[in-house]
PDB file of N, CA and C in Angstrom:
ATOM      1  N   MET A   1     135.562   1.661  40.507  1.00  0.00           N
ATOM      2  CA  MET A   1     134.321   1.759  39.755  1.00  0.00           C
ATOM      3  C   MET A   1     134.403   3.020  38.851  1.00  0.00           C
ATOM      4  N   GLU A   2     133.903   2.856  37.653  1.00  0.00           N
ATOM      5  CA  GLU A   2     133.949   3.928  36.669  1.00  0.00           C
ATOM      6  C   GLU A   2     133.041   5.098  37.112  1.00  0.00           C
ATOM      7  N   HIS A   3     133.506   6.304  36.856  1.00  0.00           N
ATOM      8  CA  HIS A   3     132.692   7.492  37.209  1.00  0.00           C
ATOM      9  C   HIS A   3     131.446   7.508  36.323  1.00  0.00           C
ATOM     10  N   CYS A   4     130.331   7.837  36.910  1.00  0.00           N
ATOM     11  CA  CYS A   4     129.037   7.844  36.201  1.00  0.00           C
ATOM     12  C   CYS A   4     128.582   9.283  35.878  1.00  0.00           C
ATOM     13  N   LYS A   5     127.870   9.429  34.772  1.00  0.00           N
ATOM     14  CA  LYS A   5     127.274  10.729  34.363  1.00  0.00           C
ATOM     15  C   LYS A   5     125.785  10.531  34.154  1.00  0.00           C
ATOM     16  N   ASN A   6     125.033  11.595  34.332  1.00  0.00           N
ATOM     17  CA  ASN A   6     123.614  11.579  34.153  1.00  0.00           C
ATOM     18  C   ASN A   6     123.290  11.679  32.663  1.00  0.00           C
ATOM     19  N   LEU A   7     122.238  10.961  32.265  1.00  0.00           N
ATOM     20  CA  LEU A   7     121.745  11.021  30.886  1.00  0.00           C
ATOM     21  C   LEU A   7     120.242  11.186  30.990  1.00  0.00           C
ATOM     22  N   CYS A   8     119.747  12.328  30.385  1.00  0.00           N
ATOM     23  CA  CYS A   8     118.322  12.613  30.471  1.00  0.00           C
ATOM     24  C   CYS A   8     117.832  12.831  29.036  1.00  0.00           C
ATOM     25  N   ALA A   9     116.670  12.257  28.705  1.00  0.00           N
ATOM     26  CA  ALA A   9     116.123  12.407  27.341  1.00  0.00           C
ATOM     27  C   ALA A   9     114.599  12.316  27.413  1.00  0.00           C
ATOM     28  N   MET A  10     113.967  13.123  26.581  1.00  0.00           N
ATOM     29  CA  MET A  10     112.532  13.085  26.436  1.00  0.00           C
ATOM     30  C   MET A  10     112.204  12.020  25.425  1.00  0.00           C
ATOM     31  N   ILE A  11     111.293  11.099  25.799  1.00  0.00           N
ATOM     32  CA  ILE A  11     110.864  10.021  24.882  1.00  0.00           C
ATOM     33  C   ILE A  11     109.314   9.939  24.894  1.00  0.00           C
ATOM     34  N   PRO A  12     108.776   9.389  23.843  1.00  0.00           N
ATOM     35  CA  PRO A  12     107.312   9.315  23.807  1.00  0.00           C
ATOM     36  C   PRO A  12     106.740   8.539  24.982  1.00  0.00           C
ATOM     37  N   GLU A  13     105.571   8.886  25.449  1.00  0.00           N
ATOM     38  CA  GLU A  13     104.998   8.277  26.639  1.00  0.00           C
ATOM     39  C   GLU A  13     104.799   6.792  26.486  1.00  0.00           C
ATOM     40  N   SER A  14     104.389   6.345  25.250  1.00  0.00           N
ATOM     41  CA  SER A  14     104.221   4.939  25.019  1.00  0.00           C
ATOM     42  C   SER A  14     105.497   4.135  25.197  1.00  0.00           C
ATOM     43  N   LEU A  15     106.642   4.719  24.729  1.00  0.00           N
ATOM     44  CA  LEU A  15     107.917   4.058  24.880  1.00  0.00           C
ATOM     45  C   LEU A  15     108.363   4.062  26.374  1.00  0.00           C
ATOM     46  N   HIS A  16     108.068   5.149  27.014  1.00  0.00           N
ATOM     47  CA  HIS A  16     108.368   5.304  28.452  1.00  0.00           C
ATOM     48  C   HIS A  16     107.675   4.133  29.256  1.00  0.00           C
ATOM     49  N   THR A  17     106.396   3.924  28.896  1.00  0.00           N
ATOM     50  CA  THR A  17     105.638   2.858  29.537  1.00  0.00           C
ATOM     51  C   THR A  17     106.275   1.487  29.313  1.00  0.00           C
ATOM     52  N   GLN A  18     106.639   1.215  28.058  1.00  0.00           N
ATOM     53  CA  GLN A  18     107.283  -0.016  27.742  1.00  0.00           C
ATOM     54  C   GLN A  18     108.584  -0.225  28.538  1.00  0.00           C
ATOM     55  N   VAL A  19     109.363   0.828  28.604  1.00  0.00           N
ATOM     56  CA  VAL A  19     110.645   0.788  29.307  1.00  0.00           C
ATOM     57  C   VAL A  19     110.380   0.431  30.808  1.00  0.00           C
ATOM     58  N   ARG A  20     109.471   1.181  31.401  1.00  0.00           N
ATOM     59  CA  ARG A  20     109.187   0.972  32.831  1.00  0.00           C
ATOM     60  C   ARG A  20     108.656  -0.425  33.136  1.00  0.00           C
ATOM     61  N   ILE A  21     107.804  -0.983  32.251  1.00  0.00           N
ATOM     62  CA  ILE A  21     107.284  -2.280  32.484  1.00  0.00           C
ATOM     63  C   ILE A  21     108.401  -3.328  32.441  1.00  0.00           C
ATOM     64  N   GLU A  22     109.257  -3.246  31.407  1.00  0.00           N
ATOM     65  CA  GLU A  22     110.328  -4.209  31.288  1.00  0.00           C
ATOM     66  C   GLU A  22     111.385  -4.023  32.438  1.00  0.00           C
ATOM     67  N   GLN A  23     111.660  -2.790  32.742  1.00  0.00           N
ATOM     68  CA  GLN A  23     112.601  -2.505  33.851  1.00  0.00           C
ATOM     69  C   GLN A  23     112.127  -3.091  35.143  1.00  0.00           C
ATOM     70  N   GLU A  24     110.855  -2.958  35.443  1.00  0.00           N
ATOM     71  CA  GLU A  24     110.339  -3.470  36.672  1.00  0.00           C
ATOM     72  C   GLU A  24     110.290  -5.041  36.585  1.00  0.00           C
ATOM     73  N   LYS A  25     109.978  -5.597  35.453  1.00  0.00           N
ATOM     74  CA  LYS A  25     109.935  -7.048  35.328  1.00  0.00           C
ATOM     75  C   LYS A  25     111.371  -7.635  35.592  1.00  0.00           C
ATOM     76  N   LEU A  26     112.367  -6.921  35.140  1.00  0.00           N
ATOM     77  CA  LEU A  26     113.761  -7.370  35.349  1.00  0.00           C
ATOM     78  C   LEU A  26     114.264  -7.083  36.734  1.00  0.00           C
ATOM     79  N   GLU A  27     113.490  -6.303  37.454  1.00  0.00           N
ATOM     80  CA  GLU A  27     113.845  -5.899  38.871  1.00  0.00           C
ATOM     81  C   GLU A  27     115.173  -5.179  38.888  1.00  0.00           C
ATOM     82  N   LEU A  28     115.298  -4.170  37.997  1.00  0.00           N
ATOM     83  CA  LEU A  28     116.496  -3.353  37.897  1.00  0.00           C
ATOM     84  C   LEU A  28     116.076  -1.910  38.208  1.00  0.00           C
ATOM     85  N   THR A  29     117.074  -1.158  38.674  1.00  0.00           N
ATOM     86  CA  THR A  29     116.836   0.280  38.788  1.00  0.00           C
ATOM     87  C   THR A  29     116.810   0.809  37.375  1.00  0.00           C
ATOM     88  N   LEU A  30     116.241   2.002  37.208  1.00  0.00           N
ATOM     89  CA  LEU A  30     116.154   2.575  35.873  1.00  0.00           C
ATOM     90  C   LEU A  30     117.606   2.802  35.353  1.00  0.00           C
ATOM     91  N   SER A  31     118.506   3.191  36.200  1.00  0.00           N
ATOM     92  CA  SER A  31     119.903   3.443  35.779  1.00  0.00           C
ATOM     93  C   SER A  31     120.494   2.140  35.259  1.00  0.00           C
ATOM     94  N   ARG A  32     120.319   1.059  36.053  1.00  0.00           N
ATOM     95  CA  ARG A  32     120.903  -0.256  35.618  1.00  0.00           C
ATOM     96  C   ARG A  32     120.249  -0.745  34.317  1.00  0.00           C
ATOM     97  N   TYR A  33     118.957  -0.483  34.195  1.00  0.00           N
ATOM     98  CA  TYR A  33     118.250  -0.955  32.990  1.00  0.00           C
ATOM     99  C   TYR A  33     118.777  -0.169  31.749  1.00  0.00           C
ATOM    100  N   VAL A  34     118.848   1.140  31.817  1.00  0.00           N
ATOM    101  CA  VAL A  34     119.318   1.909  30.699  1.00  0.00           C
ATOM    102  C   VAL A  34     120.780   1.535  30.338  1.00  0.00           C
ATOM    103  N   GLU A  35     121.599   1.301  31.373  1.00  0.00           N
ATOM    104  CA  GLU A  35     122.973   0.888  31.177  1.00  0.00           C
ATOM    105  C   GLU A  35     123.013  -0.438  30.424  1.00  0.00           C
ATOM    106  N   MET A  36     122.153  -1.407  30.835  1.00  0.00           N
ATOM    107  CA  MET A  36     122.127  -2.687  30.205  1.00  0.00           C
ATOM    108  C   MET A  36     121.726  -2.572  28.729  1.00  0.00           C
ATOM    109  N   VAL A  37     120.675  -1.791  28.455  1.00  0.00           N
ATOM    110  CA  VAL A  37     120.198  -1.623  27.084  1.00  0.00           C
ATOM    111  C   VAL A  37     121.259  -1.023  26.174  1.00  0.00           C
ATOM    112  N   LEU A  38     121.954   0.023  26.702  1.00  0.00           N
ATOM    113  CA  LEU A  38     122.993   0.677  25.931  1.00  0.00           C
ATOM    114  C   LEU A  38     124.221  -0.245  25.684  1.00  0.00           C
ATOM    115  N   LYS A  39     124.590  -1.038  26.712  1.00  0.00           N
ATOM    116  CA  LYS A  39     125.726  -1.931  26.554  1.00  0.00           C
ATOM    117  C   LYS A  39     125.342  -3.018  25.531  1.00  0.00           C
ATOM    118  N   GLU A  40     124.127  -3.503  25.581  1.00  0.00           N
ATOM    119  CA  GLU A  40     123.706  -4.547  24.594  1.00  0.00           C
ATOM    120  C   GLU A  40     123.724  -3.955  23.176  1.00  0.00           C
ATOM    121  N   HIS A  41     123.292  -2.718  23.067  1.00  0.00           N
ATOM    122  CA  HIS A  41     123.284  -2.044  21.752  1.00  0.00           C
ATOM    123  C   HIS A  41     124.714  -2.002  21.172  1.00  0.00           C
ATOM    124  N   PHE A  42     125.644  -1.523  21.982  1.00  0.00           N
ATOM    125  CA  PHE A  42     127.051  -1.389  21.474  1.00  0.00           C
ATOM    126  C   PHE A  42     127.750  -2.694  21.367  1.00  0.00           C
ATOM    127  N   ALA A  43     127.394  -3.697  22.184  1.00  0.00           N
ATOM    128  CA  ALA A  43     127.982  -5.032  22.087  1.00  0.00           C
ATOM    129  C   ALA A  43     127.578  -5.711  20.813  1.00  0.00           C
ATOM    130  N   MET A  44     126.369  -5.341  20.326  1.00  0.00           N
ATOM    131  CA  MET A  44     125.895  -5.922  19.044  1.00  0.00           C
ATOM    132  C   MET A  44     126.358  -5.150  17.830  1.00  0.00           C
ATOM    133  N   GLY A  45     127.432  -4.372  18.021  1.00  0.00           N
ATOM    134  CA  GLY A  45     127.992  -3.658  16.956  1.00  0.00           C
ATOM    135  C   GLY A  45     127.343  -2.278  16.719  1.00  0.00           C
ATOM    136  N   GLY A  46     126.600  -1.808  17.676  1.00  0.00           N
ATOM    137  CA  GLY A  46     125.986  -0.492  17.558  1.00  0.00           C
ATOM    138  C   GLY A  46     125.069  -0.438  16.343  1.00  0.00           C
ATOM    139  N   LYS A  47     124.164  -1.389  16.234  1.00  0.00           N
ATOM    140  CA  LYS A  47     123.238  -1.453  15.064  1.00  0.00           C
ATOM    141  C   LYS A  47     122.922  -0.062  14.537  1.00  0.00           C
ATOM    142  N   ALA A  48     123.040   0.067  13.268  1.00  0.00           N
ATOM    143  CA  ALA A  48     122.825   1.365  12.621  1.00  0.00           C
ATOM    144  C   ALA A  48     121.529   2.056  13.087  1.00  0.00           C
ATOM    145  N   MET A  49     121.659   3.301  13.395  1.00  0.00           N
ATOM    146  CA  MET A  49     120.482   4.053  13.855  1.00  0.00           C
ATOM    147  C   MET A  49     119.908   4.884  12.719  1.00  0.00           C
ATOM    148  N   ASP A  50     120.383   4.690  11.493  1.00  0.00           N
ATOM    149  CA  ASP A  50     119.920   5.521  10.402  1.00  0.00           C
ATOM    150  C   ASP A  50     118.783   4.885   9.651  1.00  0.00           C
ATOM    151  N   ASN A  51     118.215   3.773  10.178  1.00  0.00           N
ATOM    152  CA  ASN A  51     117.124   3.050   9.560  1.00  0.00           C
ATOM    153  C   ASN A  51     117.469   2.534   8.168  1.00  0.00           C
ATOM    154  N   LYS A  52     118.776   2.317   7.924  1.00  0.00           N
ATOM    155  CA  LYS A  52     119.176   1.795   6.620  1.00  0.00           C
ATOM    156  C   LYS A  52     119.528   0.340   6.723  1.00  0.00           C
ATOM    157  N   THR A  53     119.044  -0.316   7.788  1.00  0.00           N
ATOM    158  CA  THR A  53     119.236  -1.764   7.924  1.00  0.00           C
ATOM    159  C   THR A  53     117.929  -2.426   7.596  1.00  0.00           C
ATOM    160  N   ARG A  54     118.006  -3.660   7.196  1.00  0.00           N
ATOM    161  CA  ARG A  54     116.850  -4.456   6.881  1.00  0.00           C
ATOM    162  C   ARG A  54     116.867  -5.740   7.683  1.00  0.00           C
ATOM    163  N   THR A  55     115.723  -6.296   7.957  1.00  0.00           N
ATOM    164  CA  THR A  55     115.615  -7.567   8.679  1.00  0.00           C
ATOM    165  C   THR A  55     115.526  -8.679   7.677  1.00  0.00           C
ATOM    166  N   LEU A  56     116.289  -9.728   7.929  1.00  0.00           N
ATOM    167  CA  LEU A  56     116.208 -10.944   7.124  1.00  0.00           C
ATOM    168  C   LEU A  56     115.814 -12.018   8.072  1.00  0.00           C
ATOM    169  N   ALA A  57     114.659 -12.621   7.837  1.00  0.00           N
ATOM    170  CA  ALA A  57     114.092 -13.650   8.755  1.00  0.00           C
ATOM    171  C   ALA A  57     113.592 -14.842   7.945  1.00  0.00           C
ATOM    172  N   PHE A  58     113.715 -16.026   8.514  1.00  0.00           N
ATOM    173  CA  PHE A  58     113.199 -17.210   7.914  1.00  0.00           C
ATOM    174  C   PHE A  58     113.031 -18.273   9.000  1.00  0.00           C
ATOM    175  N   GLN A  59     112.209 -19.265   8.688  1.00  0.00           N
ATOM    176  CA  GLN A  59     111.943 -20.328   9.651  1.00  0.00           C
ATOM    177  C   GLN A  59     112.658 -21.585   9.192  1.00  0.00           C
ATOM    178  N   VAL A  60     113.107 -22.344  10.211  1.00  0.00           N
ATOM    179  CA  VAL A  60     113.761 -23.662   9.927  1.00  0.00           C
ATOM    180  C   VAL A  60     113.182 -24.680  10.858  1.00  0.00           C
ATOM    181  N   SER A  61     113.409 -25.938  10.585  1.00  0.00           N
ATOM    182  CA  SER A  61     112.896 -26.986  11.458  1.00  0.00           C
ATOM    183  C   SER A  61     113.565 -26.940  12.849  1.00  0.00           C
ATOM    184  N   GLU A  62     112.886 -27.476  13.822  1.00  0.00           N
ATOM    185  CA  GLU A  62     113.438 -27.530  15.202  1.00  0.00           C
ATOM    186  C   GLU A  62     114.758 -28.244  15.241  1.00  0.00           C
ATOM    187  N   GLU A  63     114.857 -29.354  14.485  1.00  0.00           N
ATOM    188  CA  GLU A  63     116.054 -30.150  14.432  1.00  0.00           C
ATOM    189  C   GLU A  63     117.210 -29.352  13.841  1.00  0.00           C
ATOM    190  N   PHE A  64     116.945 -28.664  12.755  1.00  0.00           N
ATOM    191  CA  PHE A  64     118.008 -27.818  12.090  1.00  0.00           C
ATOM    192  C   PHE A  64     118.416 -26.693  13.030  1.00  0.00           C
ATOM    193  N   PHE A  65     117.484 -26.083  13.665  1.00  0.00           N
ATOM    194  CA  PHE A  65     117.779 -25.005  14.626  1.00  0.00           C
ATOM    195  C   PHE A  65     118.691 -25.496  15.733  1.00  0.00           C
ATOM    196  N   GLY A  66     118.389 -26.690  16.233  1.00  0.00           N
ATOM    197  CA  GLY A  66     119.222 -27.297  17.252  1.00  0.00           C
ATOM    198  C   GLY A  66     120.668 -27.494  16.794  1.00  0.00           C
ATOM    199  N   LYS A  67     120.830 -27.959  15.583  1.00  0.00           N
ATOM    200  CA  LYS A  67     122.193 -28.152  15.000  1.00  0.00           C
ATOM    201  C   LYS A  67     122.906 -26.814  14.938  1.00  0.00           C
ATOM    202  N   ILE A  68     122.221 -25.798  14.516  1.00  0.00           N
ATOM    203  CA  ILE A  68     122.868 -24.469  14.435  1.00  0.00           C
ATOM    204  C   ILE A  68     123.223 -23.958  15.795  1.00  0.00           C
ATOM    205  N   LYS A  69     122.349 -24.083  16.770  1.00  0.00           N
ATOM    206  CA  LYS A  69     122.651 -23.621  18.121  1.00  0.00           C
ATOM    207  C   LYS A  69     123.872 -24.398  18.712  1.00  0.00           C
ATOM    208  N   ARG A  70     123.941 -25.670  18.492  1.00  0.00           N
ATOM    209  CA  ARG A  70     125.104 -26.488  18.982  1.00  0.00           C
ATOM    210  C   ARG A  70     126.388 -25.980  18.316  1.00  0.00           C
ATOM    211  N   HIS A  71     126.323 -25.679  17.034  1.00  0.00           N
ATOM    212  CA  HIS A  71     127.534 -25.183  16.330  1.00  0.00           C
ATOM    213  C   HIS A  71     127.931 -23.796  16.899  1.00  0.00           C
ATOM    214  N   LEU A  72     126.928 -22.954  17.103  1.00  0.00           N
ATOM    215  CA  LEU A  72     127.244 -21.615  17.650  1.00  0.00           C
ATOM    216  C   LEU A  72     127.881 -21.703  19.011  1.00  0.00           C
ATOM    217  N   LYS A  73     127.402 -22.643  19.819  1.00  0.00           N
ATOM    218  CA  LYS A  73     127.932 -22.799  21.167  1.00  0.00           C
ATOM    219  C   LYS A  73     129.412 -23.197  21.095  1.00  0.00           C
ATOM    220  N   LYS A  74     129.712 -24.140  20.147  1.00  0.00           N
ATOM    221  CA  LYS A  74     131.097 -24.584  19.966  1.00  0.00           C
ATOM    222  C   LYS A  74     132.031 -23.465  19.500  1.00  0.00           C
ATOM    223  N   THR A  75     131.514 -22.711  18.523  1.00  0.00           N
ATOM    224  CA  THR A  75     132.363 -21.666  17.920  1.00  0.00           C
ATOM    225  C   THR A  75     132.359 -20.322  18.605  1.00  0.00           C
ATOM    226  N   GLY A  76     131.320 -20.108  19.430  1.00  0.00           N
ATOM    227  CA  GLY A  76     131.240 -18.817  20.083  1.00  0.00           C
ATOM    228  C   GLY A  76     130.693 -17.686  19.212  1.00  0.00           C
ATOM    229  N   LEU A  77     130.293 -18.033  18.026  1.00  0.00           N
ATOM    230  CA  LEU A  77     129.726 -17.051  17.100  1.00  0.00           C
ATOM    231  C   LEU A  77     128.295 -16.702  17.503  1.00  0.00           C
ATOM    232  N   SER A  78     127.896 -15.500  17.173  1.00  0.00           N
ATOM    233  CA  SER A  78     126.502 -15.143  17.323  1.00  0.00           C
ATOM    234  C   SER A  78     125.742 -15.658  16.109  1.00  0.00           C
ATOM    235  N   GLN A  79     124.468 -15.897  16.266  1.00  0.00           N
ATOM    236  CA  GLN A  79     123.649 -16.361  15.160  1.00  0.00           C
ATOM    237  C   GLN A  79     123.712 -15.401  13.968  1.00  0.00           C
ATOM    238  N   LYS A  80     123.689 -14.078  14.284  1.00  0.00           N
ATOM    239  CA  LYS A  80     123.714 -13.073  13.219  1.00  0.00           C
ATOM    240  C   LYS A  80     125.024 -13.141  12.482  1.00  0.00           C
ATOM    241  N   ASP A  81     126.168 -13.198  13.195  1.00  0.00           N
ATOM    242  CA  ASP A  81     127.503 -13.240  12.586  1.00  0.00           C
ATOM    243  C   ASP A  81     127.663 -14.495  11.743  1.00  0.00           C
ATOM    244  N   PHE A  82     127.147 -15.618  12.231  1.00  0.00           N
ATOM    245  CA  PHE A  82     127.256 -16.877  11.491  1.00  0.00           C
ATOM    246  C   PHE A  82     126.495 -16.822  10.205  1.00  0.00           C
ATOM    247  N   VAL A  83     125.242 -16.362  10.237  1.00  0.00           N
ATOM    248  CA  VAL A  83     124.447 -16.291   8.984  1.00  0.00           C
ATOM    249  C   VAL A  83     125.011 -15.293   8.046  1.00  0.00           C
ATOM    250  N   ILE A  84     125.463 -14.119   8.537  1.00  0.00           N
ATOM    251  CA  ILE A  84     126.019 -13.125   7.607  1.00  0.00           C
ATOM    252  C   ILE A  84     127.276 -13.642   6.944  1.00  0.00           C
ATOM    253  N   SER A  85     128.139 -14.387   7.680  1.00  0.00           N
ATOM    254  CA  SER A  85     129.396 -14.888   7.128  1.00  0.00           C
ATOM    255  C   SER A  85     129.059 -15.881   6.052  1.00  0.00           C
ATOM    256  N   LEU A  86     128.050 -16.728   6.261  1.00  0.00           N
ATOM    257  CA  LEU A  86     127.683 -17.713   5.214  1.00  0.00           C
ATOM    258  C   LEU A  86     127.173 -16.997   3.938  1.00  0.00           C
ATOM    259  N   ILE A  87     126.341 -15.994   4.110  1.00  0.00           N
ATOM    260  CA  ILE A  87     125.821 -15.254   2.981  1.00  0.00           C
ATOM    261  C   ILE A  87     126.910 -14.556   2.236  1.00  0.00           C
ATOM    262  N   GLU A  88     127.848 -13.919   2.997  1.00  0.00           N
ATOM    263  CA  GLU A  88     128.955 -13.200   2.361  1.00  0.00           C
ATOM    264  C   GLU A  88     129.809 -14.175   1.554  1.00  0.00           C
ATOM    265  N   GLN A  89     130.069 -15.365   2.144  1.00  0.00           N
ATOM    266  CA  GLN A  89     130.890 -16.378   1.447  1.00  0.00           C
ATOM    267  C   GLN A  89     130.191 -16.878   0.153  1.00  0.00           C
ATOM    268  N   ALA A  90     128.890 -17.096   0.236  1.00  0.00           N
ATOM    269  CA  ALA A  90     128.129 -17.569  -0.955  1.00  0.00           C
ATOM    270  C   ALA A  90     128.099 -16.478  -2.012  1.00  0.00           C
ATOM    271  N   LEU A  91     127.969 -15.199  -1.621  1.00  0.00           N
ATOM    272  CA  LEU A  91     127.947 -14.124  -2.605  1.00  0.00           C
ATOM    273  C   LEU A  91     129.299 -13.991  -3.274  1.00  0.00           C
ATOM    274  N   ALA A  92     130.366 -14.082  -2.486  1.00  0.00           N
ATOM    275  CA  ALA A  92     131.749 -13.980  -3.026  1.00  0.00           C
ATOM    276  C   ALA A  92     131.981 -15.125  -4.042  1.00  0.00           C
ATOM    277  N   GLU A  93     131.558 -16.345  -3.686  1.00  0.00           N
ATOM    278  CA  GLU A  93     131.716 -17.454  -4.616  1.00  0.00           C
ATOM    279  C   GLU A  93     130.876 -17.256  -5.853  1.00  0.00           C
ATOM    280  N   ALA A  94     129.680 -16.713  -5.713  1.00  0.00           N
ATOM    281  CA  ALA A  94     128.800 -16.507  -6.899  1.00  0.00           C
ATOM    282  C   ALA A  94     129.449 -15.426  -7.863  1.00  0.00           C
ATOM    283  N   ILE A  95     129.997 -14.411  -7.250  1.00  0.00           N
ATOM    284  CA  ILE A  95     130.630 -13.370  -8.059  1.00  0.00           C
ATOM    285  C   ILE A  95     131.848 -13.895  -8.801  1.00  0.00           C
ATOM    286  N   THR A  96     132.661 -14.719  -8.118  1.00  0.00           N
ATOM    287  CA  THR A  96     133.813 -15.316  -8.704  1.00  0.00           C
ATOM    288  C   THR A  96     133.446 -16.265  -9.844  1.00  0.00           C
ATOM    289  N   ALA A  97     132.306 -16.911  -9.740  1.00  0.00           N
ATOM    290  CA  ALA A  97     131.854 -17.857 -10.746  1.00  0.00           C
ATOM    291  C   ALA A  97     131.170 -17.236 -11.922  1.00  0.00           C
ATOM    292  N   GLU A  98     130.799 -15.939 -11.813  1.00  0.00           N
ATOM    293  CA  GLU A  98     130.114 -15.293 -12.934  1.00  0.00           C
ATOM    294  C   GLU A  98     131.087 -15.158 -14.112  1.00  0.00           C
ATOM    295  N   PRO A  99     130.588 -15.464 -15.287  1.00  0.00           N
ATOM    296  CA  PRO A  99     131.427 -15.360 -16.504  1.00  0.00           C
ATOM    297  C   PRO A  99     131.821 -13.864 -16.739  1.00  0.00           C
ATOM    298  N   LYS A 100     133.040 -13.648 -17.074  1.00  0.00           N
ATOM    299  CA  LYS A 100     133.520 -12.312 -17.352  1.00  0.00           C
ATOM    300  C   LYS A 100     133.019 -11.823 -18.709  1.00  0.00           C
ATOM    301  N   GLU A 101     132.633 -10.565 -18.821  1.00  0.00           N
ATOM    302  CA  GLU A 101     132.243 -10.020 -20.097  1.00  0.00           C
ATOM    303  C   GLU A 101     133.468  -9.732 -20.904  1.00  0.00           C
ATOM    304  N   GLU A 102     133.432 -10.130 -22.172  1.00  0.00           N
ATOM    305  CA  GLU A 102     134.584  -9.952 -23.034  1.00  0.00           C
ATOM    306  C   GLU A 102     134.566  -8.574 -23.578  1.00  0.00           C
ATOM    307  N   SER A 103     135.766  -7.925 -23.672  1.00  0.00           N
ATOM    308  CA  SER A 103     135.873  -6.597 -24.260  1.00  0.00           C
ATOM    309  C   SER A 103     135.979  -6.780 -25.755  1.00  0.00           C
ATOM    310  N   GLU A 104     135.290  -5.915 -26.512  1.00  0.00           N
ATOM    311  CA  GLU A 104     135.330  -5.992 -27.961  1.00  0.00           C
ATOM    312  C   GLU A 104     136.160  -4.933 -28.548  1.00  0.00           C
TER     313      GLU A 104
END
């Protein structure tokens, strides 16, 4: 078993309350809960903490959502990685298709 170290931090009381409620709902010790939250954070690529990220959200039909979920299950991709790869591909194709400005 990996050696453990203590982590202590002051957080706002309202956040503390949210943490304790969820931790108790999951029936985890506080140590296990904090470990889980941190592992999830880093497993998701350590989402930027500089607040320079933006949320992109949209709704789709239940049927379309099911198709996406089945595809993700087959490929092992996360929903986020799948959508980002599609957007990056479309942007790359759009840039390639843009007419080049002629030098005079």
